[in-house]
């Protein structure tokens, strides 16, 4: 089974309206792309509200609400997002050998995306991970202790190995390190282009990665 986890954050800050607009534009694009892949379940994760509904319920896929953004005492957004993923694993009883795709809900997937093309073939392979090493601010980087966490895929058992013990640790470092040291190299598909339009924290422009 392939689980597509779309991460969102509806915190009422100065960027709320921008994020809401991006989610409403991007999530239909995301669900359309992944709906064509067999044996998948799409779930939206939101971490500021576990008591009521939001516009996210209008996208005709499951929505899991948590309060991780409010109750976890850290400024590390990656740690909060990781706890959303763990909450989803527990809620949906996701098995260790199920494949989890994590995508940021503000981003867009291009037509003929390399990531989607590889995911389409996943059922007939022994692949445990699809990842782009490096980072978005240095597109030439191939550092295998870093990765683009806006879109990656990894079997559940490896995602559960993440341990964030330092407030300043980046979740991208953890995913990259696990992919490059814990998973056999022949079971990792390393992409140099995901076919993803990524919007950095400035919310002002998109970068193709």
Protein backbone atom coordinates (compact mmCIF):
# COMPACT_ATOMS: atom_id res chain seq x y z
CA UNK A 1 0.00 0.00 0.00
CA UNK A 2 1.18 3.52 -0.82
CA UNK A 3 0.11 6.32 1.52
CA UNK A 4 0.28 9.88 0.17
CA UNK A 5 0.58 12.29 3.10
CA UNK A 6 -0.06 15.94 2.23
CA UNK A 7 1.18 18.19 5.04
CA UNK A 8 -0.56 21.47 5.84
CA UNK A 9 -0.51 24.06 8.62
CA UNK A 10 -3.45 26.43 9.10
CA UNK A 11 -1.98 28.52 11.88
CA UNK A 12 -3.50 32.01 11.91
CA UNK A 13 -0.39 34.10 11.32
CA UNK A 14 0.56 36.80 8.82
CA UNK A 15 0.97 34.22 6.05
CA UNK A 16 -2.32 32.39 6.57
CA UNK A 17 -4.11 33.88 3.56
CA UNK A 18 -1.14 33.13 1.29
CA UNK A 19 -0.97 29.54 2.49
CA UNK A 20 -4.71 29.06 2.14
CA UNK A 21 -4.59 30.27 -1.47
CA UNK A 22 -1.65 27.96 -2.22
CA UNK A 23 -3.36 24.94 -0.64
CA UNK A 24 -6.52 25.55 -2.65
CA UNK A 25 -4.47 25.71 -5.85
CA UNK A 26 -1.97 22.94 -5.13
CA UNK A 27 -3.89 20.17 -3.35
CA UNK A 28 -6.25 19.48 -6.30
CA UNK A 29 -3.15 19.22 -8.51
CA UNK A 30 -1.50 16.83 -6.04
CA UNK A 31 -4.53 14.58 -5.63
CA UNK A 32 -5.09 14.45 -9.39
CA UNK A 33 -1.51 13.29 -9.98
CA UNK A 34 -1.55 10.59 -7.29
CA UNK A 35 -5.07 9.35 -8.01
CA UNK A 36 -3.69 7.74 -11.18
CA UNK A 37 -1.39 5.46 -9.16
CA UNK A 38 -2.79 2.08 -8.10
CA UNK A 39 -3.08 0.97 -4.48
CA UNK A 40 -2.79 4.43 -2.96
CA UNK A 41 -4.55 6.28 -0.15
CA UNK A 42 -4.30 10.07 0.08
CA UNK A 43 -4.45 11.74 3.49
CA UNK A 44 -4.16 15.45 4.31
CA UNK A 45 -2.45 16.23 7.65
CA UNK A 46 -3.19 19.47 9.53
CA UNK A 47 -1.68 20.22 12.92
CA UNK A 48 -3.55 23.17 14.45
CA UNK A 49 -7.06 21.86 14.87
CA UNK A 50 -8.38 18.56 16.19
CA UNK A 51 -11.92 19.62 17.05
CA UNK A 52 -13.61 21.04 13.95
CA UNK A 53 -13.60 21.04 10.14
CA UNK A 54 -11.87 23.37 7.67
CA UNK A 55 -11.81 23.97 3.92
CA UNK A 56 -9.44 20.99 3.70
CA UNK A 57 -12.46 18.70 4.05
CA UNK A 58 -13.67 19.91 0.64
CA UNK A 59 -10.92 18.05 -1.26
CA UNK A 60 -12.70 14.68 -1.06
CA UNK A 61 -9.84 12.82 0.66
CA UNK A 62 -9.26 11.87 4.30
CA UNK A 63 -8.09 14.66 6.60
CA UNK A 64 -6.29 13.95 9.86
CA UNK A 65 -6.33 16.84 12.31
CA UNK A 66 -3.83 16.97 15.17
CA UNK A 67 -2.79 19.66 17.65
CA UNK A 68 0.93 18.94 17.32
CA UNK A 69 1.75 22.49 16.27
CA UNK A 70 0.16 23.80 19.47
CA UNK A 71 1.22 21.21 22.03
CA UNK A 72 4.78 20.27 21.06
CA UNK A 73 7.11 22.78 22.71
CA UNK A 74 9.58 23.47 19.92
CA UNK A 75 10.23 25.97 17.17
CA UNK A 76 11.46 23.16 14.94
CA UNK A 77 8.77 22.88 12.24
CA UNK A 78 10.28 19.68 10.90
CA UNK A 79 9.87 18.00 14.29
CA UNK A 80 6.20 19.02 14.45
CA UNK A 81 5.61 17.78 10.92
CA UNK A 82 7.35 14.50 11.74
CA UNK A 83 5.00 14.02 14.67
CA UNK A 84 2.08 14.56 12.29
CA UNK A 85 3.42 11.69 10.19
CA UNK A 86 3.77 9.49 13.28
CA UNK A 87 0.21 10.37 14.31
CA UNK A 88 -0.97 9.28 10.87
CA UNK A 89 1.01 6.03 11.00
CA UNK A 90 -0.67 5.19 14.30
CA UNK A 91 -4.16 6.32 13.30
CA UNK A 92 -4.21 4.35 10.03
CA UNK A 93 -2.19 1.36 11.26
CA UNK A 94 0.32 1.83 8.47
CA UNK A 95 2.52 -1.25 8.20
CA UNK A 96 6.32 -1.16 8.27
CA UNK A 97 6.57 -2.27 4.63
CA UNK A 98 3.95 0.19 3.36
CA UNK A 99 5.40 3.02 1.29
CA UNK A 100 4.85 6.58 2.53
CA UNK A 101 5.06 9.58 0.23
CA UNK A 102 5.27 12.92 1.99
CA UNK A 103 4.53 16.11 0.05
CA UNK A 104 4.12 19.67 1.26
CA UNK A 105 0.60 20.83 0.44
CA UNK A 106 1.70 24.21 -0.92
CA UNK A 107 3.82 22.67 -3.67
CA UNK A 108 2.88 21.60 -7.20
CA UNK A 109 3.84 18.53 -9.18
CA UNK A 110 4.74 19.08 -12.81
CA UNK A 111 3.34 17.01 -15.64
CA UNK A 112 5.63 14.08 -16.47
CA UNK A 113 7.23 14.30 -13.02
CA UNK A 114 10.16 11.91 -12.54
CA UNK A 115 8.93 11.15 -9.04
CA UNK A 116 5.46 10.19 -10.25
CA UNK A 117 6.94 8.10 -13.06
CA UNK A 118 9.02 6.09 -10.58
CA UNK A 119 6.14 5.73 -8.15
CA UNK A 120 3.96 4.31 -10.92
CA UNK A 121 6.42 1.40 -11.22
CA UNK A 122 6.81 0.80 -7.50
CA UNK A 123 4.54 -2.27 -7.22
CA UNK A 124 6.78 -4.26 -9.54
CA UNK A 125 10.04 -3.39 -7.82
CA UNK A 126 11.91 -3.93 -4.56
CA UNK A 127 12.45 -0.20 -4.02
CA UNK A 128 12.38 1.19 -0.47
CA UNK A 129 13.01 4.88 -1.13
CA UNK A 130 12.64 7.59 -3.79
CA UNK A 131 14.56 10.73 -2.90
CA UNK A 132 16.45 13.77 -4.16
CA UNK A 133 19.59 14.36 -2.12
CA UNK A 134 20.93 17.86 -1.57
CA UNK A 135 18.90 21.00 -0.93
CA UNK A 136 16.78 23.54 -2.77
CA UNK A 137 19.11 26.52 -2.25
CA UNK A 138 22.05 24.77 -3.94
CA UNK A 139 20.62 22.77 -6.81
CA UNK A 140 24.04 21.36 -7.67
CA UNK A 141 24.37 19.77 -4.23
CA UNK A 142 24.32 15.96 -4.02
CA UNK A 143 25.02 15.79 -0.28
CA UNK A 144 23.56 12.51 0.95
CA UNK A 145 23.09 13.74 4.49
CA UNK A 146 20.51 16.22 3.21
CA UNK A 147 17.48 15.97 0.95
CA UNK A 148 14.44 17.76 -0.46
CA UNK A 149 11.82 16.89 2.14
CA UNK A 150 9.05 18.68 0.23
CA UNK A 151 8.57 15.45 -1.74
CA UNK A 152 10.09 12.08 -0.99
CA UNK A 153 9.00 8.47 -0.55
CA UNK A 154 10.23 5.91 1.93
CA UNK A 155 8.98 2.69 3.50
CA UNK A 156 7.36 3.27 6.86
CA UNK A 157 9.92 1.23 8.80
CA UNK A 158 12.66 3.66 7.80
CA UNK A 159 10.65 6.80 8.53
CA UNK A 160 10.11 5.49 12.05
CA UNK A 161 13.89 5.39 12.54
CA UNK A 162 14.10 9.20 12.61
CA UNK A 163 15.31 10.57 15.94
CA UNK A 164 15.33 14.35 16.37
CA UNK A 165 17.13 14.99 19.62
CA UNK A 166 18.41 18.53 19.09
CA UNK A 167 16.24 21.62 18.65
CA UNK A 168 18.47 22.77 15.79
CA UNK A 169 18.55 19.50 13.82
CA UNK A 170 16.90 19.56 10.40
CA UNK A 171 14.48 16.82 9.44
CA UNK A 172 16.00 16.89 5.94
CA UNK A 173 19.33 15.77 7.38
CA UNK A 174 17.66 12.83 9.10
CA UNK A 175 15.76 11.59 6.03
CA UNK A 176 18.85 11.97 3.85
CA UNK A 177 21.09 10.14 6.31
CA UNK A 178 18.63 7.27 6.78
CA UNK A 179 18.19 6.89 3.01
CA UNK A 180 21.95 6.82 2.39
CA UNK A 181 23.07 4.73 5.39
CA UNK A 182 20.14 2.54 6.51
CA UNK A 183 18.69 1.50 3.15
CA UNK A 184 20.66 -0.68 0.72
CA UNK A 185 21.85 1.48 -2.18
CA UNK A 186 20.17 -0.76 -4.77
CA UNK A 187 16.82 -0.12 -3.09
CA UNK A 188 17.08 3.66 -3.33
CA UNK A 189 16.05 5.61 -6.42
CA UNK A 190 18.09 8.80 -6.38
CA UNK A 191 16.56 11.49 -8.57
CA UNK A 192 18.27 14.67 -9.68
CA UNK A 193 14.94 16.21 -10.66
CA UNK A 194 11.71 15.39 -8.86
CA UNK A 195 9.43 17.34 -11.16
CA UNK A 196 8.33 19.45 -8.18
CA UNK A 197 7.63 23.17 -8.00
CA UNK A 198 8.79 24.10 -4.52
CA UNK A 199 7.92 27.36 -2.78
CA UNK A 200 10.50 28.30 -0.13
CA UNK A 201 9.54 29.82 3.21
CA UNK A 202 9.40 33.31 1.70
CA UNK A 203 6.21 32.25 -0.14
CA UNK A 204 7.23 34.61 -2.94
CA UNK A 205 8.37 32.34 -5.78
CA UNK A 206 8.60 28.74 -6.99
CA UNK A 207 11.73 26.72 -7.72
CA UNK A 208 11.79 23.56 -9.84
CA UNK A 209 13.66 20.73 -8.12
